[in-house]
mmCIF file of all heavy atoms, coordinates in Angstrom:
data_MODEL
# 
_entry.id   MODEL 
# 
loop_
_atom_site.group_PDB 
_atom_site.id 
_atom_site.type_symbol 
_atom_site.label_atom_id 
_atom_site.label_alt_id 
_atom_site.label_comp_id 
_atom_site.label_asym_id 
_atom_site.label_entity_id 
_atom_site.label_seq_id 
_atom_site.pdbx_PDB_ins_code 
_atom_site.Cartn_x 
_atom_site.Cartn_y 
_atom_site.Cartn_z 
_atom_site.occupancy 
_atom_site.B_iso_or_equiv 
_atom_site.pdbx_formal_charge 
_atom_site.auth_seq_id 
_atom_site.auth_comp_id 
_atom_site.auth_asym_id 
_atom_site.auth_atom_id 
_atom_site.pdbx_PDB_model_num 
ATOM 1   N N   . THR A 1 1  ? 0.826  -1.217  0.000  1.00 0.00 ? 1  THR A N   1 
ATOM 2   C CA  . THR A 1 1  ? 0.000  0.000   0.000  1.00 0.00 ? 1  THR A CA  1 
ATOM 3   C C   . THR A 1 1  ? 0.852  1.255   0.000  1.00 0.00 ? 1  THR A C   1 
ATOM 4   O O   . THR A 1 1  ? 0.482  2.268   -0.615 1.00 0.00 ? 1  THR A O   1 
ATOM 5   C CB  . THR A 1 1  ? -0.932 0.006   1.230  1.00 0.00 ? 1  THR A CB  1 
ATOM 6   O OG1 . THR A 1 1  ? -1.731 -1.178  1.209  1.00 0.00 ? 1  THR A OG1 1 
ATOM 7   C CG2 . THR A 1 1  ? -1.847 1.219   1.213  1.00 0.00 ? 1  THR A CG2 1 
ATOM 8   N N   . SER A 1 2  ? 1.996  1.220   0.674  1.00 0.00 ? 2  SER A N   1 
ATOM 9   C CA  . SER A 1 2  ? 2.861  2.403   0.727  1.00 0.00 ? 2  SER A CA  1 
ATOM 10  C C   . SER A 1 2  ? 3.418  2.763   -0.647 1.00 0.00 ? 2  SER A C   1 
ATOM 11  O O   . SER A 1 2  ? 3.737  3.925   -0.907 1.00 0.00 ? 2  SER A O   1 
ATOM 12  C CB  . SER A 1 2  ? 4.007  2.166   1.714  1.00 0.00 ? 2  SER A CB  1 
ATOM 13  O OG  . SER A 1 2  ? 4.922  1.192   1.213  1.00 0.00 ? 2  SER A OG  1 
ATOM 14  N N   . VAL A 1 3  ? 3.549  1.768   -1.522 1.00 0.00 ? 3  VAL A N   1 
ATOM 15  C CA  . VAL A 1 3  ? 4.068  2.021   -2.873 1.00 0.00 ? 3  VAL A CA  1 
ATOM 16  C C   . VAL A 1 3  ? 2.941  2.255   -3.863 1.00 0.00 ? 3  VAL A C   1 
ATOM 17  O O   . VAL A 1 3  ? 2.982  3.190   -4.671 1.00 0.00 ? 3  VAL A O   1 
ATOM 18  C CB  . VAL A 1 3  ? 4.944  0.841   -3.348 1.00 0.00 ? 3  VAL A CB  1 
ATOM 19  C CG1 . VAL A 1 3  ? 5.425  1.076   -4.790 1.00 0.00 ? 3  VAL A CG1 1 
ATOM 20  C CG2 . VAL A 1 3  ? 6.133  0.654   -2.425 1.00 0.00 ? 3  VAL A CG2 1 
ATOM 21  N N   . ASP A 1 4  ? 1.915  1.398   -3.796 1.00 0.00 ? 4  ASP A N   1 
ATOM 22  C CA  . ASP A 1 4  ? 0.815  1.478   -4.756 1.00 0.00 ? 4  ASP A CA  1 
ATOM 23  C C   . ASP A 1 4  ? -0.513 1.163   -4.065 1.00 0.00 ? 4  ASP A C   1 
ATOM 24  O O   . ASP A 1 4  ? -0.895 -0.010  -3.964 1.00 0.00 ? 4  ASP A O   1 
ATOM 25  C CB  . ASP A 1 4  ? 1.056  0.498   -5.913 1.00 0.00 ? 4  ASP A CB  1 
ATOM 26  C CG  . ASP A 1 4  ? -0.022 0.598   -6.991 1.00 0.00 ? 4  ASP A CG  1 
ATOM 27  O OD1 . ASP A 1 4  ? -0.867 1.507   -6.891 1.00 0.00 ? 4  ASP A OD1 1 
ATOM 28  O OD2 . ASP A 1 4  ? 0.000  -0.227  -7.926 1.00 0.00 ? 4  ASP A OD2 1 
ATOM 29  N N   . PRO A 1 5  ? -1.224 2.197   -3.583 1.00 0.00 ? 5  PRO A N   1 
ATOM 30  C CA  . PRO A 1 5  ? -2.507 1.973   -2.905 1.00 0.00 ? 5  PRO A CA  1 
ATOM 31  C C   . PRO A 1 5  ? -3.553 1.314   -3.797 1.00 0.00 ? 5  PRO A C   1 
ATOM 32  O O   . PRO A 1 5  ? -4.529 0.744   -3.297 1.00 0.00 ? 5  PRO A O   1 
ATOM 33  C CB  . PRO A 1 5  ? -2.944 3.387   -2.507 1.00 0.00 ? 5  PRO A CB  1 
ATOM 34  C CG  . PRO A 1 5  ? -1.693 4.208   -2.534 1.00 0.00 ? 5  PRO A CG  1 
ATOM 35  C CD  . PRO A 1 5  ? -0.854 3.611   -3.620 1.00 0.00 ? 5  PRO A CD  1 
ATOM 36  N N   . GLU A 1 6  ? -3.362 1.377   -5.124 1.00 0.00 ? 6  GLU A N   1 
ATOM 37  C CA  . GLU A 1 6  ? -4.338 0.824   -6.053 1.00 0.00 ? 6  GLU A CA  1 
ATOM 38  C C   . GLU A 1 6  ? -3.955 -0.576  -6.545 1.00 0.00 ? 6  GLU A C   1 
ATOM 39  O O   . GLU A 1 6  ? -4.607 -1.130  -7.430 1.00 0.00 ? 6  GLU A O   1 
ATOM 40  C CB  . GLU A 1 6  ? -4.501 1.758   -7.255 1.00 0.00 ? 6  GLU A CB  1 
ATOM 41  C CG  . GLU A 1 6  ? -5.017 3.144   -6.868 1.00 0.00 ? 6  GLU A CG  1 
ATOM 42  C CD  . GLU A 1 6  ? -5.173 4.056   -8.068 1.00 0.00 ? 6  GLU A CD  1 
ATOM 43  O OE1 . GLU A 1 6  ? -4.831 3.616   -9.201 1.00 0.00 ? 6  GLU A OE1 1 
ATOM 44  O OE2 . GLU A 1 6  ? -5.615 5.204   -7.892 1.00 0.00 ? 6  GLU A OE2 1 
ATOM 45  N N   . ALA A 1 7  ? -2.917 -1.163  -5.968 1.00 0.00 ? 7  ALA A N   1 
ATOM 46  C CA  . ALA A 1 7  ? -2.479 -2.499  -6.387 1.00 0.00 ? 7  ALA A CA  1 
ATOM 47  C C   . ALA A 1 7  ? -3.562 -3.530  -6.102 1.00 0.00 ? 7  ALA A C   1 
ATOM 48  O O   . ALA A 1 7  ? -4.300 -3.433  -5.113 1.00 0.00 ? 7  ALA A O   1 
ATOM 49  C CB  . ALA A 1 7  ? -1.196 -2.876  -5.666 1.00 0.00 ? 7  ALA A CB  1 
ATOM 50  N N   . PHE A 1 8  ? -3.673 -4.519  -6.992 1.00 0.00 ? 8  PHE A N   1 
ATOM 51  C CA  . PHE A 1 8  ? -4.597 -5.629  -6.781 1.00 0.00 ? 8  PHE A CA  1 
ATOM 52  C C   . PHE A 1 8  ? -3.811 -6.777  -6.164 1.00 0.00 ? 8  PHE A C   1 
ATOM 53  O O   . PHE A 1 8  ? -2.818 -7.230  -6.730 1.00 0.00 ? 8  PHE A O   1 
ATOM 54  C CB  . PHE A 1 8  ? -5.216 -6.068  -8.110 1.00 0.00 ? 8  PHE A CB  1 
ATOM 55  C CG  . PHE A 1 8  ? -6.153 -7.242  -7.981 1.00 0.00 ? 8  PHE A CG  1 
ATOM 56  C CD1 . PHE A 1 8  ? -7.467 -7.066  -7.600 1.00 0.00 ? 8  PHE A CD1 1 
ATOM 57  C CD2 . PHE A 1 8  ? -5.700 -8.544  -8.218 1.00 0.00 ? 8  PHE A CD2 1 
ATOM 58  C CE1 . PHE A 1 8  ? -8.326 -8.144  -7.470 1.00 0.00 ? 8  PHE A CE1 1 
ATOM 59  C CE2 . PHE A 1 8  ? -6.539 -9.626  -8.087 1.00 0.00 ? 8  PHE A CE2 1 
ATOM 60  C CZ  . PHE A 1 8  ? -7.864 -9.422  -7.720 1.00 0.00 ? 8  PHE A CZ  1 
ATOM 61  N N   . VAL A 1 9  ? -4.255 -7.216  -5.005 1.00 0.00 ? 9  VAL A N   1 
ATOM 62  C CA  . VAL A 1 9  ? -3.532 -8.251  -4.263 1.00 0.00 ? 9  VAL A CA  1 
ATOM 63  C C   . VAL A 1 9  ? -4.474 -9.403  -3.939 1.00 0.00 ? 9  VAL A C   1 
ATOM 64  O O   . VAL A 1 9  ? -5.570 -9.193  -3.419 1.00 0.00 ? 9  VAL A O   1 
ATOM 65  C CB  . VAL A 1 9  ? -2.931 -7.698  -2.953 1.00 0.00 ? 9  VAL A CB  1 
ATOM 66  C CG1 . VAL A 1 9  ? -2.133 -8.787  -2.232 1.00 0.00 ? 9  VAL A CG1 1 
ATOM 67  C CG2 . VAL A 1 9  ? -2.057 -6.482  -3.221 1.00 0.00 ? 9  VAL A CG2 1 
ATOM 68  N N   . SER A 1 10 ? -4.051 -10.604 -4.273 1.00 0.00 ? 10 SER A N   1 
ATOM 69  C CA  . SER A 1 10 ? -4.820 -11.806 -3.948 1.00 0.00 ? 10 SER A CA  1 
ATOM 70  C C   . SER A 1 10 ? -3.960 -12.708 -3.083 1.00 0.00 ? 10 SER A C   1 
ATOM 71  O O   . SER A 1 10 ? -2.847 -13.064 -3.470 1.00 0.00 ? 10 SER A O   1 
ATOM 72  C CB  . SER A 1 10 ? -5.225 -12.535 -5.231 1.00 0.00 ? 10 SER A CB  1 
ATOM 73  O OG  . SER A 1 10 ? -5.839 -13.779 -4.937 1.00 0.00 ? 10 SER A OG  1 
ATOM 74  N N   . MET A 1 11 ? -4.481 -13.062 -1.882 1.00 0.00 ? 11 MET A N   1 
ATOM 75  C CA  . MET A 1 11 ? -3.722 -13.920 -0.975 1.00 0.00 ? 11 MET A CA  1 
ATOM 76  C C   . MET A 1 11 ? -4.422 -15.252 -0.794 1.00 0.00 ? 11 MET A C   1 
ATOM 77  O O   . MET A 1 11 ? -5.646 -15.318 -0.758 1.00 0.00 ? 11 MET A O   1 
ATOM 78  C CB  . MET A 1 11 ? -3.543 -13.241 0.387  1.00 0.00 ? 11 MET A CB  1 
ATOM 79  C CG  . MET A 1 11 ? -2.575 -12.075 0.358  1.00 0.00 ? 11 MET A CG  1 
ATOM 80  S SD  . MET A 1 11 ? -2.063 -11.585 2.010  1.00 0.00 ? 11 MET A SD  1 
ATOM 81  C CE  . MET A 1 11 ? -0.794 -10.382 1.608  1.00 0.00 ? 11 MET A CE  1 
ATOM 82  N N   . MET A 1 12 ? -3.626 -16.289 -0.661 1.00 0.00 ? 12 MET A N   1 
ATOM 83  C CA  . MET A 1 12 ? -4.173 -17.631 -0.472 1.00 0.00 ? 12 MET A CA  1 
ATOM 84  C C   . MET A 1 12 ? -3.355 -18.365 0.584  1.00 0.00 ? 12 MET A C   1 
ATOM 85  O O   . MET A 1 12 ? -2.179 -18.061 0.794  1.00 0.00 ? 12 MET A O   1 
ATOM 86  C CB  . MET A 1 12 ? -4.149 -18.407 -1.791 1.00 0.00 ? 12 MET A CB  1 
ATOM 87  C CG  . MET A 1 12 ? -2.754 -18.716 -2.305 1.00 0.00 ? 12 MET A CG  1 
ATOM 88  S SD  . MET A 1 12 ? -2.701 -18.931 -4.071 1.00 0.00 ? 12 MET A SD  1 
ATOM 89  C CE  . MET A 1 12 ? -2.898 -17.228 -4.600 1.00 0.00 ? 12 MET A CE  1 
ATOM 90  N N   . GLU A 1 13 ? -3.974 -19.313 1.237  1.00 0.00 ? 13 GLU A N   1 
ATOM 91  C CA  . GLU A 1 13 ? -3.283 -20.090 2.248  1.00 0.00 ? 13 GLU A CA  1 
ATOM 92  C C   . GLU A 1 13 ? -2.370 -21.107 1.575  1.00 0.00 ? 13 GLU A C   1 
ATOM 93  O O   . GLU A 1 13 ? -2.750 -21.776 0.621  1.00 0.00 ? 13 GLU A O   1 
ATOM 94  C CB  . GLU A 1 13 ? -4.278 -20.801 3.161  1.00 0.00 ? 13 GLU A CB  1 
ATOM 95  C CG  . GLU A 1 13 ? -3.636 -21.431 4.375  1.00 0.00 ? 13 GLU A CG  1 
ATOM 96  C CD  . GLU A 1 13 ? -4.635 -21.779 5.458  1.00 0.00 ? 13 GLU A CD  1 
ATOM 97  O OE1 . GLU A 1 13 ? -5.840 -21.534 5.244  1.00 0.00 ? 13 GLU A OE1 1 
ATOM 98  O OE2 . GLU A 1 13 ? -4.208 -22.306 6.491  1.00 0.00 ? 13 GLU A OE2 1 
ATOM 99  N N   . VAL A 1 14 ? -1.146 -21.202 2.087  1.00 0.00 ? 14 VAL A N   1 
ATOM 100 C CA  . VAL A 1 14 ? -0.158 -22.145 1.581  1.00 0.00 ? 14 VAL A CA  1 
ATOM 101 C C   . VAL A 1 14 ? 0.096  -23.178 2.674  1.00 0.00 ? 14 VAL A C   1 
ATOM 102 O O   . VAL A 1 14 ? 0.523  -22.831 3.773  1.00 0.00 ? 14 VAL A O   1 
ATOM 103 C CB  . VAL A 1 14 ? 1.157  -21.432 1.205  1.00 0.00 ? 14 VAL A CB  1 
ATOM 104 C CG1 . VAL A 1 14 ? 2.189  -22.436 0.723  1.00 0.00 ? 14 VAL A CG1 1 
ATOM 105 C CG2 . VAL A 1 14 ? 0.895  -20.374 0.142  1.00 0.00 ? 14 VAL A CG2 1 
ATOM 106 N N   . HIS A 1 15 ? -0.180 -24.431 2.384  1.00 0.00 ? 15 HIS A N   1 
ATOM 107 C CA  . HIS A 1 15 ? -0.091 -25.464 3.411  1.00 0.00 ? 15 HIS A CA  1 
ATOM 108 C C   . HIS A 1 15 ? 1.296  -26.074 3.540  1.00 0.00 ? 15 HIS A C   1 
ATOM 109 O O   . HIS A 1 15 ? 1.621  -26.661 4.561  1.00 0.00 ? 15 HIS A O   1 
ATOM 110 C CB  . HIS A 1 15 ? -1.108 -26.582 3.107  1.00 0.00 ? 15 HIS A CB  1 
ATOM 111 C CG  . HIS A 1 15 ? -2.523 -26.121 3.177  1.00 0.00 ? 15 HIS A CG  1 
ATOM 112 N ND1 . HIS A 1 15 ? -3.177 -25.909 4.365  1.00 0.00 ? 15 HIS A ND1 1 
ATOM 113 C CD2 . HIS A 1 15 ? -3.408 -25.798 2.195  1.00 0.00 ? 15 HIS A CD2 1 
ATOM 114 C CE1 . HIS A 1 15 ? -4.418 -25.498 4.124  1.00 0.00 ? 15 HIS A CE1 1 
ATOM 115 N NE2 . HIS A 1 15 ? -4.575 -25.423 2.814  1.00 0.00 ? 15 HIS A NE2 1 
ATOM 116 N N   . ASP A 1 16 ? 2.123  -25.925 2.533  1.00 0.00 ? 16 ASP A N   1 
ATOM 117 C CA  . ASP A 1 16 ? 3.465  -26.491 2.611  1.00 0.00 ? 16 ASP A CA  1 
ATOM 118 C C   . ASP A 1 16 ? 4.397  -25.628 1.779  1.00 0.00 ? 16 ASP A C   1 
ATOM 119 O O   . ASP A 1 16 ? 4.059  -25.260 0.648  1.00 0.00 ? 16 ASP A O   1 
ATOM 120 C CB  . ASP A 1 16 ? 3.464  -27.934 2.089  1.00 0.00 ? 16 ASP A CB  1 
ATOM 121 C CG  . ASP A 1 16 ? 4.676  -28.722 2.566  1.00 0.00 ? 16 ASP A CG  1 
ATOM 122 O OD1 . ASP A 1 16 ? 5.460  -28.161 3.351  1.00 0.00 ? 16 ASP A OD1 1 
ATOM 123 O OD2 . ASP A 1 16 ? 4.820  -29.887 2.166  1.00 0.00 ? 16 ASP A OD2 1 
ATOM 124 N N   . VAL A 1 17 ? 5.553  -25.298 2.333  1.00 0.00 ? 17 VAL A N   1 
ATOM 125 C CA  . VAL A 1 17 ? 6.501  -24.424 1.655  1.00 0.00 ? 17 VAL A CA  1 
ATOM 126 C C   . VAL A 1 17 ? 7.880  -25.048 1.726  1.00 0.00 ? 17 VAL A C   1 
ATOM 127 O O   . VAL A 1 17 ? 8.315  -25.490 2.786  1.00 0.00 ? 17 VAL A O   1 
ATOM 128 C CB  . VAL A 1 17 ? 6.549  -23.022 2.305  1.00 0.00 ? 17 VAL A CB  1 
ATOM 129 C CG1 . VAL A 1 17 ? 7.440  -22.098 1.479  1.00 0.00 ? 17 VAL A CG1 1 
ATOM 130 C CG2 . VAL A 1 17 ? 5.163  -22.441 2.437  1.00 0.00 ? 17 VAL A CG2 1 
ATOM 131 N N   . MET A 1 18 ? 8.574  -25.070 0.597  1.00 0.00 ? 18 MET A N   1 
ATOM 132 C CA  . MET A 1 18 ? 9.953  -25.550 0.541  1.00 0.00 ? 18 MET A CA  1 
ATOM 133 C C   . MET A 1 18 ? 10.802 -24.472 -0.124 1.00 0.00 ? 18 MET A C   1 
ATOM 134 O O   . MET A 1 18 ? 10.357 -23.815 -1.064 1.00 0.00 ? 18 MET A O   1 
ATOM 135 C CB  . MET A 1 18 ? 10.047 -26.854 -0.255 1.00 0.00 ? 18 MET A CB  1 
ATOM 136 C CG  . MET A 1 18 ? 9.268  -28.017 0.335  1.00 0.00 ? 18 MET A CG  1 
ATOM 137 S SD  . MET A 1 18 ? 9.288  -29.476 -0.728 1.00 0.00 ? 18 MET A SD  1 
ATOM 138 C CE  . MET A 1 18 ? 11.044 -29.860 -0.712 1.00 0.00 ? 18 MET A CE  1 
ATOM 139 N N   . GLY A 1 19 ? 12.028 -24.293 0.376  1.00 0.00 ? 19 GLY A N   1 
ATOM 140 C CA  . GLY A 1 19 ? 12.910 -23.323 -0.245 1.00 0.00 ? 19 GLY A CA  1 
ATOM 141 C C   . GLY A 1 19 ? 13.524 -22.383 0.772  1.00 0.00 ? 19 GLY A C   1 
ATOM 142 O O   . GLY A 1 19 ? 13.302 -22.498 1.985  1.00 0.00 ? 19 GLY A O   1 
ATOM 143 N N   . GLU A 1 20 ? 14.312 -21.428 0.282  1.00 0.00 ? 20 GLU A N   1 
ATOM 144 C CA  . GLU A 1 20 ? 15.034 -20.505 1.146  1.00 0.00 ? 20 GLU A CA  1 
ATOM 145 C C   . GLU A 1 20 ? 14.088 -19.697 2.015  1.00 0.00 ? 20 GLU A C   1 
ATOM 146 O O   . GLU A 1 20 ? 13.074 -19.186 1.547  1.00 0.00 ? 20 GLU A O   1 
ATOM 147 C CB  . GLU A 1 20 ? 15.902 -19.558 0.306  1.00 0.00 ? 20 GLU A CB  1 
ATOM 148 C CG  . GLU A 1 20 ? 16.781 -18.642 1.145  1.00 0.00 ? 20 GLU A CG  1 
ATOM 149 C CD  . GLU A 1 20 ? 17.703 -17.784 0.304  1.00 0.00 ? 20 GLU A CD  1 
ATOM 150 O OE1 . GLU A 1 20 ? 17.897 -18.098 -0.886 1.00 0.00 ? 20 GLU A OE1 1 
ATOM 151 O OE2 . GLU A 1 20 ? 18.231 -16.792 0.843  1.00 0.00 ? 20 GLU A OE2 1 
ATOM 152 N N   . GLY A 1 21 ? 14.448 -19.578 3.273  1.00 0.00 ? 21 GLY A N   1 
ATOM 153 C CA  . GLY A 1 21 ? 13.631 -18.833 4.218  1.00 0.00 ? 21 GLY A CA  1 
ATOM 154 C C   . GLY A 1 21 ? 12.618 -19.691 4.939  1.00 0.00 ? 21 GLY A C   1 
ATOM 155 O O   . GLY A 1 21 ? 12.066 -19.289 5.962  1.00 0.00 ? 21 GLY A O   1 
ATOM 156 N N   . PHE A 1 22 ? 12.372 -20.904 4.392  1.00 0.00 ? 22 PHE A N   1 
ATOM 157 C CA  . PHE A 1 22 ? 11.401 -21.806 5.008  1.00 0.00 ? 22 PHE A CA  1 
ATOM 158 C C   . PHE A 1 22 ? 12.038 -23.145 5.352  1.00 0.00 ? 22 PHE A C   1 
ATOM 159 O O   . PHE A 1 22 ? 12.009 -23.585 6.492  1.00 0.00 ? 22 PHE A O   1 
ATOM 160 C CB  . PHE A 1 22 ? 10.193 -21.997 4.083  1.00 0.00 ? 22 PHE A CB  1 
ATOM 161 C CG  . PHE A 1 22 ? 9.382  -20.739 3.911  1.00 0.00 ? 22 PHE A CG  1 
ATOM 162 C CD1 . PHE A 1 22 ? 9.641  -19.883 2.852  1.00 0.00 ? 22 PHE A CD1 1 
ATOM 163 C CD2 . PHE A 1 22 ? 8.383  -20.406 4.803  1.00 0.00 ? 22 PHE A CD2 1 
ATOM 164 C CE1 . PHE A 1 22 ? 8.907  -18.714 2.687  1.00 0.00 ? 22 PHE A CE1 1 
ATOM 165 C CE2 . PHE A 1 22 ? 7.640  -19.254 4.656  1.00 0.00 ? 22 PHE A CE2 1 
ATOM 166 C CZ  . PHE A 1 22 ? 7.906  -18.399 3.597  1.00 0.00 ? 22 PHE A CZ  1 
ATOM 167 N N   . THR A 1 23 ? 12.630 -23.813 4.349  1.00 0.00 ? 23 THR A N   1 
ATOM 168 C CA  . THR A 1 23 ? 13.325 -25.081 4.622  1.00 0.00 ? 23 THR A CA  1 
ATOM 169 C C   . THR A 1 23 ? 14.823 -24.987 4.352  1.00 0.00 ? 23 THR A C   1 
ATOM 170 O O   . THR A 1 23 ? 15.562 -25.895 4.700  1.00 0.00 ? 23 THR A O   1 
ATOM 171 C CB  . THR A 1 23 ? 12.742 -26.212 3.749  1.00 0.00 ? 23 THR A CB  1 
ATOM 172 O OG1 . THR A 1 23 ? 12.889 -25.861 2.358  1.00 0.00 ? 23 THR A OG1 1 
ATOM 173 C CG2 . THR A 1 23 ? 11.262 -26.431 4.068  1.00 0.00 ? 23 THR A CG2 1 
ATOM 174 N N   . LEU A 1 24 ? 15.273 -23.902 3.713  1.00 0.00 ? 24 LEU A N   1 
ATOM 175 C CA  . LEU A 1 24 ? 16.692 -23.685 3.446  1.00 0.00 ? 24 LEU A CA  1 
ATOM 176 C C   . LEU A 1 24 ? 17.122 -22.358 4.041  1.00 0.00 ? 24 LEU A C   1 
ATOM 177 O O   . LEU A 1 24 ? 16.350 -21.390 4.038  1.00 0.00 ? 24 LEU A O   1 
ATOM 178 C CB  . LEU A 1 24 ? 16.971 -23.674 1.934  1.00 0.00 ? 24 LEU A CB  1 
ATOM 179 C CG  . LEU A 1 24 ? 16.614 -24.933 1.136  1.00 0.00 ? 24 LEU A CG  1 
ATOM 180 C CD1 . LEU A 1 24 ? 16.869 -24.698 -0.354 1.00 0.00 ? 24 LEU A CD1 1 
ATOM 181 C CD2 . LEU A 1 24 ? 17.415 -26.128 1.635  1.00 0.00 ? 24 LEU A CD2 1 
ATOM 182 N N   . ASP A 1 25 ? 18.380 -22.298 4.557  1.00 0.00 ? 25 ASP A N   1 
ATOM 183 C CA  . ASP A 1 25 ? 18.878 -21.038 5.080  1.00 0.00 ? 25 ASP A CA  1 
ATOM 184 C C   . ASP A 1 25 ? 19.503 -20.217 3.954  1.00 0.00 ? 25 ASP A C   1 
ATOM 185 O O   . ASP A 1 25 ? 19.395 -20.568 2.774  1.00 0.00 ? 25 ASP A O   1 
ATOM 186 C CB  . ASP A 1 25 ? 19.875 -21.270 6.223  1.00 0.00 ? 25 ASP A CB  1 
ATOM 187 C CG  . ASP A 1 25 ? 21.114 -22.054 5.774  1.00 0.00 ? 25 ASP A CG  1 
ATOM 188 O OD1 . ASP A 1 25 ? 21.381 -22.103 4.557  1.00 0.00 ? 25 ASP A OD1 1 
ATOM 189 O OD2 . ASP A 1 25 ? 21.815 -22.599 6.650  1.00 0.00 ? 25 ASP A OD2 1 
ATOM 190 N N   . GLU A 1 26 ? 20.169 -19.108 4.336  1.00 0.00 ? 26 GLU A N   1 
ATOM 191 C CA  . GLU A 1 26 ? 20.734 -18.219 3.321  1.00 0.00 ? 26 GLU A CA  1 
ATOM 192 C C   . GLU A 1 26 ? 21.850 -18.853 2.506  1.00 0.00 ? 26 GLU A C   1 
ATOM 193 O O   . GLU A 1 26 ? 22.152 -18.408 1.398  1.00 0.00 ? 26 GLU A O   1 
ATOM 194 C CB  . GLU A 1 26 ? 21.260 -16.937 4.012  1.00 0.00 ? 26 GLU A CB  1 
ATOM 195 C CG  . GLU A 1 26 ? 20.150 -16.127 4.674  1.00 0.00 ? 26 GLU A CG  1 
ATOM 196 C CD  . GLU A 1 26 ? 20.699 -14.971 5.473  1.00 0.00 ? 26 GLU A CD  1 
ATOM 197 O OE1 . GLU A 1 26 ? 21.946 -14.879 5.592  1.00 0.00 ? 26 GLU A OE1 1 
ATOM 198 O OE2 . GLU A 1 26 ? 19.902 -14.166 5.970  1.00 0.00 ? 26 GLU A OE2 1 
ATOM 199 N N   . GLN A 1 27 ? 22.466 -19.907 3.038  1.00 0.00 ? 27 GLN A N   1 
ATOM 200 C CA  . GLN A 1 27 ? 23.536 -20.612 2.304  1.00 0.00 ? 27 GLN A CA  1 
ATOM 201 C C   . GLN A 1 27 ? 22.994 -21.836 1.562  1.00 0.00 ? 27 GLN A C   1 
ATOM 202 O O   . GLN A 1 27 ? 23.754 -22.720 1.164  1.00 0.00 ? 27 GLN A O   1 
ATOM 203 C CB  . GLN A 1 27 ? 24.634 -21.059 3.279  1.00 0.00 ? 27 GLN A CB  1 
ATOM 204 C CG  . GLN A 1 27 ? 25.560 -19.930 3.728  1.00 0.00 ? 27 GLN A CG  1 
ATOM 205 C CD  . GLN A 1 27 ? 24.878 -18.995 4.722  1.00 0.00 ? 27 GLN A CD  1 
ATOM 206 O OE1 . GLN A 1 27 ? 24.205 -19.465 5.646  1.00 0.00 ? 27 GLN A OE1 1 
ATOM 207 N NE2 . GLN A 1 27 ? 25.048 -17.702 4.548  1.00 0.00 ? 27 GLN A NE2 1 
ATOM 208 N N   . LYS A 1 28 ? 21.664 -21.901 1.436  1.00 0.00 ? 28 LYS A N   1 
ATOM 209 C CA  . LYS A 1 28 ? 20.991 -23.002 0.728  1.00 0.00 ? 28 LYS A CA  1 
ATOM 210 C C   . LYS A 1 28 ? 21.136 -24.334 1.438  1.00 0.00 ? 28 LYS A C   1 
ATOM 211 O O   . LYS A 1 28 ? 20.985 -25.391 0.826  1.00 0.00 ? 28 LYS A O   1 
ATOM 212 C CB  . LYS A 1 28 ? 21.527 -23.136 -0.715 1.00 0.00 ? 28 LYS A CB  1 
ATOM 213 C CG  . LYS A 1 28 ? 21.590 -21.857 -1.502 1.00 0.00 ? 28 LYS A CG  1 
ATOM 214 C CD  . LYS A 1 28 ? 20.241 -21.221 -1.712 1.00 0.00 ? 28 LYS A CD  1 
ATOM 215 C CE  . LYS A 1 28 ? 20.340 -19.971 -2.572 1.00 0.00 ? 28 LYS A CE  1 
ATOM 216 N NZ  . LYS A 1 28 ? 19.033 -19.295 -2.742 1.00 0.00 ? 28 LYS A NZ  1 
ATOM 217 N N   . ARG A 1 29 ? 21.405 -24.293 2.747  1.00 0.00 ? 29 ARG A N   1 
ATOM 218 C CA  . ARG A 1 29 ? 21.505 -25.519 3.519  1.00 0.00 ? 29 ARG A CA  1 
ATOM 219 C C   . ARG A 1 29 ? 20.183 -25.790 4.219  1.00 0.00 ? 29 ARG A C   1 
ATOM 220 O O   . ARG A 1 29 ? 19.503 -24.852 4.622  1.00 0.00 ? 29 ARG A O   1 
ATOM 221 C CB  . ARG A 1 29 ? 22.633 -25.389 4.569  1.00 0.00 ? 29 ARG A CB  1 
ATOM 222 C CG  . ARG A 1 29 ? 24.013 -25.240 3.970  1.00 0.00 ? 29 ARG A CG  1 
ATOM 223 C CD  . ARG A 1 29 ? 25.046 -24.984 5.042  1.00 0.00 ? 29 ARG A CD  1 
ATOM 224 N NE  . ARG A 1 29 ? 24.723 -23.798 5.827  1.00 0.00 ? 29 ARG A NE  1 
ATOM 225 C CZ  . ARG A 1 29 ? 25.555 -23.219 6.689  1.00 0.00 ? 29 ARG A CZ  1 
ATOM 226 N NH1 . ARG A 1 29 ? 26.764 -23.724 6.874  1.00 0.00 ? 29 ARG A NH1 1 
ATOM 227 N NH2 . ARG A 1 29 ? 25.191 -22.155 7.346  1.00 0.00 ? 29 ARG A NH2 1 
# 
């Protein structure tokens, strides 16, 4: 909103996430 108050945003629930920030750290471990 701070950048674009008119942006269209659609959010959905994600039941499982894999990848950096969730199952991998910053070094991809």
